[in-house]
């Protein structure tokens, strides 16, 4: 079983078993696939020069909408304009973090510098967001039901397996954030 991340002289370290690394690799790959556009954007040259993607639309998949939320909720035109200006960069940032985290999964022991830890935290958060959407976690009561699923032997259906994965990813992210805070406190 994974050991919690900790801050030390060499950086933030953690240990993951082979099955855990494989699971994370698959989760990261799934999120990357969600974030990559299905077709290349057809832009006019001026839009390409200024980074404006004219083919942007609100995602239909609620999990993808959680990853790429509308910044403006009460004005559809402003929300679309903001999405055109920022979505490509946001997608690239998220995909980059997921790929960087995935590359670190080749060894049992993870040693992360502060920048790598930040990318890992971003990647784990994106996985949690998608799992939360798939599990329909909307409030504390929903979260508590998911948290109560703790034993692989008790998993009977897809939802209980997803709950276990969500709990593992949540624990891993919380452990990483605590180690990052500890490293930050040591550096001061």
N, C-alpha and C. Protein backbone atom coordinates (compact mmCIF):
# COMPACT_ATOMS: atom_id res chain seq x y z
N UNK A 1 0.84 -1.18 0.00
CA UNK A 1 0.00 0.00 0.00
C UNK A 1 0.88 1.24 0.00
N UNK A 2 0.38 2.30 -0.61
CA UNK A 2 1.11 3.56 -0.70
C UNK A 2 1.43 4.08 0.70
N UNK A 3 2.57 4.76 0.78
CA UNK A 3 2.93 5.44 2.01
C UNK A 3 2.71 6.92 1.78
N UNK A 4 2.32 7.60 2.82
CA UNK A 4 2.03 9.02 2.70
C UNK A 4 3.27 9.79 2.24
N UNK A 5 3.04 10.87 1.53
CA UNK A 5 4.13 11.75 1.14
C UNK A 5 4.69 12.41 2.39
N UNK A 6 5.99 12.68 2.36
CA UNK A 6 6.62 13.40 3.46
C UNK A 6 7.68 14.33 2.90
N UNK A 7 7.94 15.39 3.65
CA UNK A 7 8.95 16.37 3.24
C UNK A 7 10.27 16.02 3.94
N UNK A 8 11.33 16.02 3.16
CA UNK A 8 12.65 15.72 3.71
C UNK A 8 13.71 16.55 3.03
N UNK A 9 14.96 16.22 3.31
CA UNK A 9 16.08 16.97 2.73
C UNK A 9 16.15 16.85 1.21
N UNK A 10 15.76 15.70 0.70
CA UNK A 10 15.85 15.48 -0.75
C UNK A 10 14.62 15.95 -1.51
N UNK A 11 13.62 16.41 -0.80
CA UNK A 11 12.39 16.86 -1.44
C UNK A 11 11.20 16.17 -0.82
N UNK A 12 10.12 16.14 -1.54
CA UNK A 12 8.91 15.47 -1.08
C UNK A 12 8.93 14.06 -1.65
N UNK A 13 8.83 13.09 -0.76
CA UNK A 13 8.94 11.69 -1.19
C UNK A 13 7.66 10.93 -0.86
N UNK A 14 7.39 9.94 -1.67
CA UNK A 14 6.25 9.05 -1.47
C UNK A 14 6.55 7.71 -2.11
N UNK A 15 5.82 6.70 -1.69
CA UNK A 15 6.00 5.35 -2.22
C UNK A 15 4.67 4.82 -2.73
N UNK A 16 4.68 4.30 -3.95
CA UNK A 16 3.48 3.73 -4.55
C UNK A 16 3.79 2.32 -5.04
N UNK A 17 2.87 1.41 -4.78
CA UNK A 17 2.99 0.04 -5.27
C UNK A 17 2.72 0.02 -6.78
N UNK A 18 3.09 -1.07 -7.42
CA UNK A 18 2.93 -1.20 -8.88
C UNK A 18 1.47 -0.99 -9.29
N UNK A 19 0.54 -1.65 -8.60
CA UNK A 19 -0.87 -1.53 -8.97
C UNK A 19 -1.37 -0.09 -8.81
N UNK A 20 -0.88 0.59 -7.78
CA UNK A 20 -1.28 1.99 -7.56
C UNK A 20 -0.72 2.89 -8.66
N UNK A 21 0.52 2.64 -9.05
CA UNK A 21 1.12 3.42 -10.13
C UNK A 21 0.38 3.17 -11.44
N UNK A 22 0.03 1.92 -11.71
CA UNK A 22 -0.72 1.60 -12.92
C UNK A 22 -2.09 2.28 -12.92
N UNK A 23 -2.76 2.27 -11.78
CA UNK A 23 -4.06 2.92 -11.66
C UNK A 23 -3.93 4.42 -11.93
N UNK A 24 -2.97 5.07 -11.31
CA UNK A 24 -2.77 6.50 -11.52
C UNK A 24 -2.42 6.81 -12.97
N UNK A 25 -1.57 5.98 -13.57
CA UNK A 25 -1.20 6.18 -14.97
C UNK A 25 -2.44 6.13 -15.86
N UNK A 26 -3.33 5.17 -15.61
CA UNK A 26 -4.57 5.06 -16.40
C UNK A 26 -5.49 6.24 -16.14
N UNK A 27 -5.61 6.64 -14.89
CA UNK A 27 -6.47 7.80 -14.58
C UNK A 27 -5.95 9.06 -15.25
N UNK A 28 -4.63 9.29 -15.16
CA UNK A 28 -4.05 10.47 -15.80
C UNK A 28 -4.29 10.43 -17.31
N UNK A 29 -4.11 9.25 -17.93
CA UNK A 29 -4.31 9.11 -19.37
C UNK A 29 -5.77 9.38 -19.75
N UNK A 30 -6.71 8.92 -18.92
CA UNK A 30 -8.13 9.15 -19.19
C UNK A 30 -8.46 10.64 -19.16
N UNK A 31 -7.90 11.36 -18.19
CA UNK A 31 -8.18 12.79 -18.08
C UNK A 31 -7.54 13.53 -19.25
N UNK A 32 -6.33 13.13 -19.64
CA UNK A 32 -5.68 13.75 -20.80
C UNK A 32 -6.55 13.56 -22.04
N UNK A 33 -7.07 12.34 -22.22
CA UNK A 33 -7.92 12.07 -23.38
C UNK A 33 -9.18 12.94 -23.34
N UNK A 34 -9.73 13.18 -22.16
CA UNK A 34 -10.91 14.06 -22.04
C UNK A 34 -10.58 15.49 -22.44
N UNK A 35 -9.38 15.93 -22.07
CA UNK A 35 -9.00 17.32 -22.28
C UNK A 35 -8.53 17.62 -23.71
N UNK A 36 -8.05 16.58 -24.41
CA UNK A 36 -7.59 16.81 -25.77
C UNK A 36 -8.79 16.97 -26.70
N UNK A 37 -8.77 18.00 -27.51
CA UNK A 37 -9.91 18.22 -28.42
C UNK A 37 -10.05 17.06 -29.39
N UNK A 38 -11.31 16.74 -29.74
CA UNK A 38 -11.58 15.65 -30.68
C UNK A 38 -11.04 15.96 -32.06
N UNK A 39 -11.19 17.19 -32.48
CA UNK A 39 -10.71 17.60 -33.79
C UNK A 39 -9.88 18.86 -33.63
N UNK A 40 -8.91 19.04 -34.50
CA UNK A 40 -8.14 20.28 -34.42
C UNK A 40 -9.04 21.48 -34.67
N UNK A 41 -8.77 22.53 -33.96
CA UNK A 41 -9.58 23.75 -34.10
C UNK A 41 -9.34 24.37 -35.47
N UNK A 42 -10.40 24.83 -36.09
CA UNK A 42 -10.29 25.56 -37.35
C UNK A 42 -10.41 27.03 -36.99
N UNK A 43 -9.29 27.71 -37.04
CA UNK A 43 -9.26 29.10 -36.62
C UNK A 43 -8.90 29.98 -37.79
N UNK A 44 -9.26 31.23 -37.68
CA UNK A 44 -8.76 32.15 -38.68
C UNK A 44 -7.36 32.59 -38.24
N UNK A 45 -6.51 33.02 -39.16
CA UNK A 45 -5.12 33.35 -38.82
C UNK A 45 -4.98 34.41 -37.74
N UNK A 46 -5.83 35.41 -37.74
CA UNK A 46 -5.75 36.45 -36.73
C UNK A 46 -6.05 35.87 -35.34
N UNK A 47 -7.06 35.03 -35.25
CA UNK A 47 -7.39 34.41 -33.97
C UNK A 47 -6.23 33.55 -33.48
N UNK A 48 -5.57 32.85 -34.39
CA UNK A 48 -4.43 32.02 -34.00
C UNK A 48 -3.29 32.87 -33.47
N UNK A 49 -3.06 34.03 -34.09
CA UNK A 49 -1.97 34.90 -33.65
C UNK A 49 -2.19 35.43 -32.24
N UNK A 50 -3.42 35.74 -31.90
CA UNK A 50 -3.67 36.29 -30.57
C UNK A 50 -4.10 35.22 -29.57
N UNK A 51 -4.13 33.97 -29.99
CA UNK A 51 -4.48 32.87 -29.10
C UNK A 51 -5.96 32.73 -28.84
N UNK A 52 -6.79 33.28 -29.67
CA UNK A 52 -8.23 33.20 -29.51
C UNK A 52 -8.76 32.02 -30.31
N UNK A 53 -9.45 31.12 -29.67
CA UNK A 53 -10.00 29.95 -30.33
C UNK A 53 -11.49 30.19 -30.59
N UNK A 54 -11.84 30.42 -31.83
CA UNK A 54 -13.22 30.76 -32.17
C UNK A 54 -14.17 29.55 -32.12
N UNK A 55 -13.62 28.34 -32.10
CA UNK A 55 -14.46 27.14 -32.12
C UNK A 55 -14.78 26.61 -30.73
N UNK A 56 -14.55 27.38 -29.70
CA UNK A 56 -14.79 26.94 -28.34
C UNK A 56 -16.28 26.91 -28.04
N UNK A 57 -16.71 25.86 -27.34
CA UNK A 57 -18.10 25.78 -26.88
C UNK A 57 -18.09 25.18 -25.48
N UNK A 58 -19.19 25.31 -24.80
CA UNK A 58 -19.30 24.76 -23.46
C UNK A 58 -19.33 23.24 -23.56
N UNK A 59 -18.46 22.54 -22.80
CA UNK A 59 -18.43 21.08 -22.87
C UNK A 59 -19.77 20.46 -22.50
N UNK A 60 -20.13 19.38 -23.19
CA UNK A 60 -21.36 18.67 -22.88
C UNK A 60 -21.20 17.69 -21.73
N UNK A 61 -20.00 17.16 -21.54
CA UNK A 61 -19.72 16.21 -20.46
C UNK A 61 -19.59 16.98 -19.15
N UNK A 62 -20.43 16.68 -18.15
CA UNK A 62 -20.36 17.42 -16.88
C UNK A 62 -18.99 17.31 -16.20
N UNK A 63 -18.30 16.17 -16.37
CA UNK A 63 -16.97 16.03 -15.77
C UNK A 63 -15.98 16.97 -16.43
N UNK A 64 -16.06 17.11 -17.74
CA UNK A 64 -15.18 18.03 -18.45
C UNK A 64 -15.52 19.48 -18.09
N UNK A 65 -16.79 19.74 -17.88
CA UNK A 65 -17.20 21.08 -17.47
C UNK A 65 -16.65 21.41 -16.08
N UNK A 66 -16.48 20.39 -15.22
CA UNK A 66 -15.85 20.61 -13.91
C UNK A 66 -14.38 20.95 -14.07
N UNK A 67 -13.73 20.35 -15.07
CA UNK A 67 -12.31 20.65 -15.31
C UNK A 67 -12.13 22.01 -15.98
N UNK A 68 -13.09 22.40 -16.81
CA UNK A 68 -13.02 23.65 -17.57
C UNK A 68 -14.28 24.47 -17.31
N UNK A 69 -14.47 24.94 -16.07
CA UNK A 69 -15.72 25.62 -15.74
C UNK A 69 -15.85 26.98 -16.40
N UNK A 70 -17.08 27.45 -16.48
CA UNK A 70 -17.33 28.82 -16.94
C UNK A 70 -16.88 29.78 -15.87
N UNK A 71 -16.13 30.79 -16.26
CA UNK A 71 -15.65 31.79 -15.30
C UNK A 71 -16.74 32.80 -14.99
N UNK A 72 -17.65 33.00 -15.94
CA UNK A 72 -18.74 33.96 -15.77
C UNK A 72 -20.04 33.18 -15.84
N UNK A 73 -20.82 33.21 -14.79
CA UNK A 73 -22.01 32.37 -14.74
C UNK A 73 -23.30 33.07 -15.18
N UNK A 74 -23.37 34.36 -15.05
CA UNK A 74 -24.64 35.03 -15.32
C UNK A 74 -24.70 35.76 -16.66
N UNK A 75 -23.67 35.62 -17.49
CA UNK A 75 -23.66 36.29 -18.79
C UNK A 75 -23.05 35.33 -19.81
N UNK A 76 -23.91 34.71 -20.61
CA UNK A 76 -23.44 33.69 -21.56
C UNK A 76 -22.43 34.24 -22.56
N UNK A 77 -22.64 35.45 -23.04
CA UNK A 77 -21.71 36.04 -24.02
C UNK A 77 -20.34 36.27 -23.39
N UNK A 78 -20.32 36.80 -22.19
CA UNK A 78 -19.04 37.04 -21.50
C UNK A 78 -18.36 35.71 -21.17
N UNK A 79 -19.15 34.71 -20.78
CA UNK A 79 -18.58 33.39 -20.47
C UNK A 79 -17.91 32.79 -21.71
N UNK A 80 -18.57 32.89 -22.86
CA UNK A 80 -18.00 32.36 -24.09
C UNK A 80 -16.74 33.13 -24.48
N UNK A 81 -16.77 34.44 -24.35
CA UNK A 81 -15.59 35.24 -24.68
C UNK A 81 -14.41 34.88 -23.78
N UNK A 82 -14.67 34.74 -22.50
CA UNK A 82 -13.61 34.36 -21.57
C UNK A 82 -13.08 32.97 -21.90
N UNK A 83 -13.99 32.05 -22.22
CA UNK A 83 -13.59 30.68 -22.59
C UNK A 83 -12.71 30.71 -23.83
N UNK A 84 -13.06 31.54 -24.82
CA UNK A 84 -12.25 31.65 -26.04
C UNK A 84 -10.84 32.13 -25.73
N UNK A 85 -10.72 33.01 -24.77
CA UNK A 85 -9.40 33.59 -24.43
C UNK A 85 -8.56 32.68 -23.56
N UNK A 86 -9.19 31.82 -22.77
CA UNK A 86 -8.42 31.09 -21.76
C UNK A 86 -8.43 29.57 -21.88
N UNK A 87 -9.41 28.99 -22.56
CA UNK A 87 -9.56 27.54 -22.51
C UNK A 87 -8.37 26.78 -23.07
N UNK A 88 -7.83 27.23 -24.19
CA UNK A 88 -6.70 26.51 -24.77
C UNK A 88 -5.53 26.44 -23.79
N UNK A 89 -5.22 27.55 -23.17
CA UNK A 89 -4.13 27.61 -22.20
C UNK A 89 -4.42 26.72 -20.99
N UNK A 90 -5.66 26.75 -20.51
CA UNK A 90 -6.04 25.92 -19.36
C UNK A 90 -5.93 24.44 -19.70
N UNK A 91 -6.41 24.05 -20.87
CA UNK A 91 -6.28 22.66 -21.29
C UNK A 91 -4.81 22.24 -21.36
N UNK A 92 -3.98 23.08 -21.97
CA UNK A 92 -2.56 22.75 -22.11
C UNK A 92 -1.87 22.66 -20.75
N UNK A 93 -2.22 23.53 -19.83
CA UNK A 93 -1.64 23.50 -18.49
C UNK A 93 -2.03 22.21 -17.78
N UNK A 94 -3.29 21.85 -17.85
CA UNK A 94 -3.76 20.63 -17.19
C UNK A 94 -3.14 19.38 -17.82
N UNK A 95 -3.09 19.33 -19.14
CA UNK A 95 -2.48 18.18 -19.81
C UNK A 95 -1.01 18.08 -19.46
N UNK A 96 -0.31 19.22 -19.42
CA UNK A 96 1.10 19.22 -19.04
C UNK A 96 1.32 18.68 -17.64
N UNK A 97 0.49 19.09 -16.70
CA UNK A 97 0.61 18.61 -15.32
C UNK A 97 0.34 17.11 -15.24
N UNK A 98 -0.67 16.64 -15.95
CA UNK A 98 -1.00 15.22 -15.96
C UNK A 98 0.13 14.39 -16.58
N UNK A 99 0.70 14.88 -17.67
CA UNK A 99 1.81 14.16 -18.31
C UNK A 99 3.05 14.14 -17.42
N UNK A 100 3.34 15.26 -16.79
CA UNK A 100 4.51 15.33 -15.89
C UNK A 100 4.34 14.37 -14.72
N UNK A 101 3.15 14.32 -14.15
CA UNK A 101 2.90 13.41 -13.04
C UNK A 101 3.00 11.96 -13.51
N UNK A 102 2.49 11.69 -14.68
CA UNK A 102 2.53 10.33 -15.22
C UNK A 102 3.96 9.85 -15.46
N UNK A 103 4.81 10.76 -15.91
CA UNK A 103 6.21 10.38 -16.17
C UNK A 103 6.93 9.98 -14.89
N UNK A 104 6.51 10.50 -13.76
CA UNK A 104 7.14 10.16 -12.49
C UNK A 104 6.73 8.82 -11.93
N UNK A 105 5.87 8.10 -12.62
CA UNK A 105 5.34 6.85 -12.10
C UNK A 105 6.17 5.62 -12.46
N UNK A 106 7.39 5.82 -12.93
CA UNK A 106 8.20 4.68 -13.34
C UNK A 106 8.89 3.97 -12.17
N UNK A 107 9.04 4.65 -11.04
CA UNK A 107 9.69 3.98 -9.92
C UNK A 107 8.78 3.99 -8.70
N UNK A 108 9.03 3.07 -7.81
CA UNK A 108 8.23 2.91 -6.59
C UNK A 108 8.33 4.14 -5.70
N UNK A 109 9.54 4.69 -5.62
CA UNK A 109 9.76 5.85 -4.77
C UNK A 109 9.69 7.12 -5.62
N UNK A 110 8.83 8.01 -5.22
CA UNK A 110 8.71 9.31 -5.89
C UNK A 110 9.48 10.33 -5.09
N UNK A 111 10.31 11.11 -5.76
CA UNK A 111 11.01 12.22 -5.13
C UNK A 111 10.67 13.46 -5.95
N UNK A 112 9.95 14.39 -5.32
CA UNK A 112 9.43 15.54 -6.03
C UNK A 112 10.05 16.83 -5.52
N UNK A 113 10.52 17.65 -6.44
CA UNK A 113 10.93 19.00 -6.06
C UNK A 113 9.65 19.84 -5.96
N UNK A 114 9.73 21.07 -5.47
CA UNK A 114 8.50 21.87 -5.29
C UNK A 114 7.66 22.03 -6.56
N UNK A 115 8.29 22.22 -7.71
CA UNK A 115 7.53 22.39 -8.95
C UNK A 115 6.84 21.08 -9.34
N UNK A 116 7.55 19.96 -9.22
CA UNK A 116 6.95 18.66 -9.54
C UNK A 116 5.81 18.35 -8.58
N UNK A 117 5.96 18.70 -7.32
CA UNK A 117 4.89 18.48 -6.34
C UNK A 117 3.65 19.29 -6.71
N UNK A 118 3.86 20.52 -7.17
CA UNK A 118 2.74 21.37 -7.58
C UNK A 118 2.01 20.72 -8.77
N UNK A 119 2.76 20.20 -9.75
CA UNK A 119 2.14 19.54 -10.90
C UNK A 119 1.38 18.29 -10.48
N UNK A 120 1.95 17.53 -9.55
CA UNK A 120 1.27 16.35 -9.03
C UNK A 120 -0.03 16.73 -8.34
N UNK A 121 0.01 17.78 -7.53
CA UNK A 121 -1.20 18.22 -6.83
C UNK A 121 -2.28 18.63 -7.83
N UNK A 122 -1.89 19.32 -8.89
CA UNK A 122 -2.84 19.71 -9.93
C UNK A 122 -3.43 18.48 -10.61
N UNK A 123 -2.59 17.52 -10.95
CA UNK A 123 -3.04 16.32 -11.64
C UNK A 123 -4.01 15.52 -10.75
N UNK A 124 -3.65 15.33 -9.49
CA UNK A 124 -4.52 14.60 -8.58
C UNK A 124 -5.85 15.32 -8.38
N UNK A 125 -5.82 16.64 -8.32
CA UNK A 125 -7.05 17.40 -8.17
C UNK A 125 -7.97 17.21 -9.38
N UNK A 126 -7.39 17.20 -10.57
CA UNK A 126 -8.21 16.99 -11.77
C UNK A 126 -8.86 15.61 -11.76
N UNK A 127 -8.12 14.60 -11.32
CA UNK A 127 -8.69 13.25 -11.21
C UNK A 127 -9.83 13.26 -10.20
N UNK A 128 -9.63 13.90 -9.06
CA UNK A 128 -10.67 13.97 -8.04
C UNK A 128 -11.93 14.67 -8.56
N UNK A 129 -11.74 15.75 -9.32
CA UNK A 129 -12.89 16.47 -9.87
C UNK A 129 -13.73 15.58 -10.77
N UNK A 130 -13.06 14.83 -11.64
CA UNK A 130 -13.79 13.95 -12.56
C UNK A 130 -14.47 12.82 -11.78
N UNK A 131 -13.76 12.21 -10.84
CA UNK A 131 -14.37 11.14 -10.05
C UNK A 131 -15.55 11.67 -9.23
N UNK A 132 -15.42 12.87 -8.68
CA UNK A 132 -16.52 13.46 -7.91
C UNK A 132 -17.75 13.65 -8.80
N UNK A 133 -17.52 14.07 -10.04
CA UNK A 133 -18.65 14.23 -10.96
C UNK A 133 -19.27 12.88 -11.29
N UNK A 134 -18.44 11.89 -11.56
CA UNK A 134 -18.95 10.56 -11.91
C UNK A 134 -19.72 9.93 -10.73
N UNK A 135 -19.28 10.24 -9.50
CA UNK A 135 -19.95 9.72 -8.30
C UNK A 135 -21.09 10.62 -7.83
N UNK A 136 -21.31 11.71 -8.54
CA UNK A 136 -22.36 12.68 -8.24
C UNK A 136 -22.24 13.22 -6.81
N UNK A 137 -21.02 13.59 -6.43
CA UNK A 137 -20.79 14.21 -5.12
C UNK A 137 -21.16 15.68 -5.25
N UNK A 138 -22.22 16.07 -4.56
CA UNK A 138 -22.72 17.44 -4.63
C UNK A 138 -22.64 18.18 -3.29
N UNK A 139 -22.59 17.39 -2.19
CA UNK A 139 -22.58 18.01 -0.88
C UNK A 139 -21.87 17.10 0.12
N UNK A 140 -21.84 17.52 1.37
CA UNK A 140 -21.16 16.76 2.43
C UNK A 140 -21.75 15.36 2.62
N UNK A 141 -23.06 15.25 2.48
CA UNK A 141 -23.72 13.96 2.65
C UNK A 141 -23.26 12.97 1.58
N UNK A 142 -23.20 13.42 0.33
CA UNK A 142 -22.70 12.57 -0.76
C UNK A 142 -21.25 12.17 -0.51
N UNK A 143 -20.45 13.14 -0.08
CA UNK A 143 -19.03 12.87 0.18
C UNK A 143 -18.87 11.86 1.30
N UNK A 144 -19.70 11.96 2.33
CA UNK A 144 -19.62 11.02 3.46
C UNK A 144 -19.97 9.60 3.02
N UNK A 145 -20.99 9.45 2.15
CA UNK A 145 -21.34 8.12 1.65
C UNK A 145 -20.16 7.50 0.89
N UNK A 146 -19.50 8.31 0.07
CA UNK A 146 -18.35 7.82 -0.68
C UNK A 146 -17.21 7.46 0.27
N UNK A 147 -16.99 8.30 1.27
CA UNK A 147 -15.91 8.07 2.22
C UNK A 147 -16.10 6.79 3.03
N UNK A 148 -17.34 6.38 3.24
CA UNK A 148 -17.61 5.18 4.03
C UNK A 148 -17.18 3.90 3.34
N UNK A 149 -17.01 3.92 2.03
CA UNK A 149 -16.55 2.73 1.30
C UNK A 149 -15.04 2.66 1.46
N UNK A 150 -14.57 1.73 2.28
CA UNK A 150 -13.15 1.69 2.63
C UNK A 150 -12.45 0.37 2.29
N UNK A 151 -13.19 -0.69 2.10
CA UNK A 151 -12.58 -2.01 1.94
C UNK A 151 -12.86 -2.58 0.55
N UNK A 152 -11.79 -3.01 -0.13
CA UNK A 152 -11.95 -3.58 -1.47
C UNK A 152 -12.88 -4.79 -1.45
N UNK A 153 -12.90 -5.52 -0.34
CA UNK A 153 -13.77 -6.69 -0.24
C UNK A 153 -15.24 -6.33 -0.22
N UNK A 154 -15.56 -5.11 0.17
CA UNK A 154 -16.95 -4.67 0.23
C UNK A 154 -17.45 -4.09 -1.10
N UNK A 155 -16.55 -3.89 -2.03
CA UNK A 155 -16.94 -3.29 -3.31
C UNK A 155 -17.73 -4.31 -4.13
N UNK A 156 -18.95 -3.92 -4.47
CA UNK A 156 -19.84 -4.83 -5.18
C UNK A 156 -20.21 -4.35 -6.57
N UNK A 157 -20.08 -3.05 -6.82
CA UNK A 157 -20.50 -2.51 -8.10
C UNK A 157 -19.52 -1.42 -8.54
N UNK A 158 -19.78 -0.87 -9.71
CA UNK A 158 -18.89 0.15 -10.27
C UNK A 158 -18.79 1.35 -9.34
N UNK A 159 -19.91 1.77 -8.77
CA UNK A 159 -19.90 2.95 -7.91
C UNK A 159 -19.02 2.73 -6.67
N UNK A 160 -19.08 1.54 -6.08
CA UNK A 160 -18.24 1.31 -4.89
C UNK A 160 -16.76 1.23 -5.26
N UNK A 161 -16.44 0.68 -6.43
CA UNK A 161 -15.05 0.68 -6.87
C UNK A 161 -14.57 2.11 -7.15
N UNK A 162 -15.42 2.90 -7.81
CA UNK A 162 -15.06 4.30 -8.05
C UNK A 162 -14.88 5.05 -6.73
N UNK A 163 -15.70 4.72 -5.75
CA UNK A 163 -15.58 5.35 -4.43
C UNK A 163 -14.22 5.03 -3.81
N UNK A 164 -13.80 3.79 -3.93
CA UNK A 164 -12.48 3.41 -3.39
C UNK A 164 -11.36 4.15 -4.10
N UNK A 165 -11.48 4.28 -5.41
CA UNK A 165 -10.46 5.01 -6.17
C UNK A 165 -10.48 6.48 -5.76
N UNK A 166 -11.67 7.06 -5.62
CA UNK A 166 -11.79 8.45 -5.19
C UNK A 166 -11.14 8.64 -3.82
N UNK A 167 -11.41 7.74 -2.90
CA UNK A 167 -10.83 7.84 -1.56
C UNK A 167 -9.31 7.72 -1.59
N UNK A 168 -8.78 6.84 -2.43
CA UNK A 168 -7.33 6.69 -2.55
C UNK A 168 -6.71 7.98 -3.11
N UNK A 169 -7.27 8.50 -4.19
CA UNK A 169 -6.74 9.71 -4.80
C UNK A 169 -6.85 10.89 -3.83
N UNK A 170 -7.96 10.97 -3.10
CA UNK A 170 -8.13 12.05 -2.12
C UNK A 170 -7.07 11.96 -1.02
N UNK A 171 -6.87 10.75 -0.50
CA UNK A 171 -5.86 10.55 0.54
C UNK A 171 -4.48 10.93 0.01
N UNK A 172 -4.17 10.50 -1.19
CA UNK A 172 -2.86 10.78 -1.79
C UNK A 172 -2.67 12.29 -1.95
N UNK A 173 -3.69 12.97 -2.44
CA UNK A 173 -3.60 14.42 -2.62
C UNK A 173 -3.46 15.13 -1.27
N UNK A 174 -4.24 14.74 -0.28
CA UNK A 174 -4.14 15.36 1.05
C UNK A 174 -2.75 15.15 1.64
N UNK A 175 -2.22 13.95 1.47
CA UNK A 175 -0.88 13.65 1.96
C UNK A 175 0.16 14.53 1.27
N UNK A 176 0.03 14.69 -0.03
CA UNK A 176 0.96 15.52 -0.80
C UNK A 176 0.88 16.98 -0.36
N UNK A 177 -0.32 17.50 -0.20
CA UNK A 177 -0.48 18.90 0.20
C UNK A 177 0.11 19.12 1.59
N UNK A 178 -0.10 18.18 2.51
CA UNK A 178 0.49 18.31 3.84
C UNK A 178 2.01 18.32 3.77
N UNK A 179 2.58 17.45 2.92
CA UNK A 179 4.04 17.43 2.76
C UNK A 179 4.54 18.73 2.14
N UNK A 180 3.78 19.28 1.19
CA UNK A 180 4.17 20.55 0.58
C UNK A 180 4.15 21.68 1.61
N UNK A 181 3.13 21.70 2.47
CA UNK A 181 3.05 22.71 3.51
C UNK A 181 4.18 22.55 4.52
N UNK A 182 4.50 21.32 4.84
CA UNK A 182 5.61 21.04 5.77
C UNK A 182 6.93 21.50 5.17
N UNK A 183 7.15 21.23 3.89
CA UNK A 183 8.38 21.68 3.21
C UNK A 183 8.46 23.20 3.18
N UNK A 184 7.33 23.84 2.95
CA UNK A 184 7.29 25.30 2.92
C UNK A 184 7.64 25.88 4.29
N UNK A 185 7.08 25.27 5.35
CA UNK A 185 7.37 25.74 6.71
C UNK A 185 8.84 25.55 7.05
N UNK A 186 9.45 24.47 6.60
CA UNK A 186 10.88 24.21 6.86
C UNK A 186 11.77 25.23 6.16
N UNK A 187 11.33 25.67 5.00
CA UNK A 187 12.17 26.58 4.21
C UNK A 187 12.16 28.01 4.75
N UNK A 188 11.24 28.31 5.64
CA UNK A 188 11.15 29.68 6.19
C UNK A 188 12.01 29.85 7.40
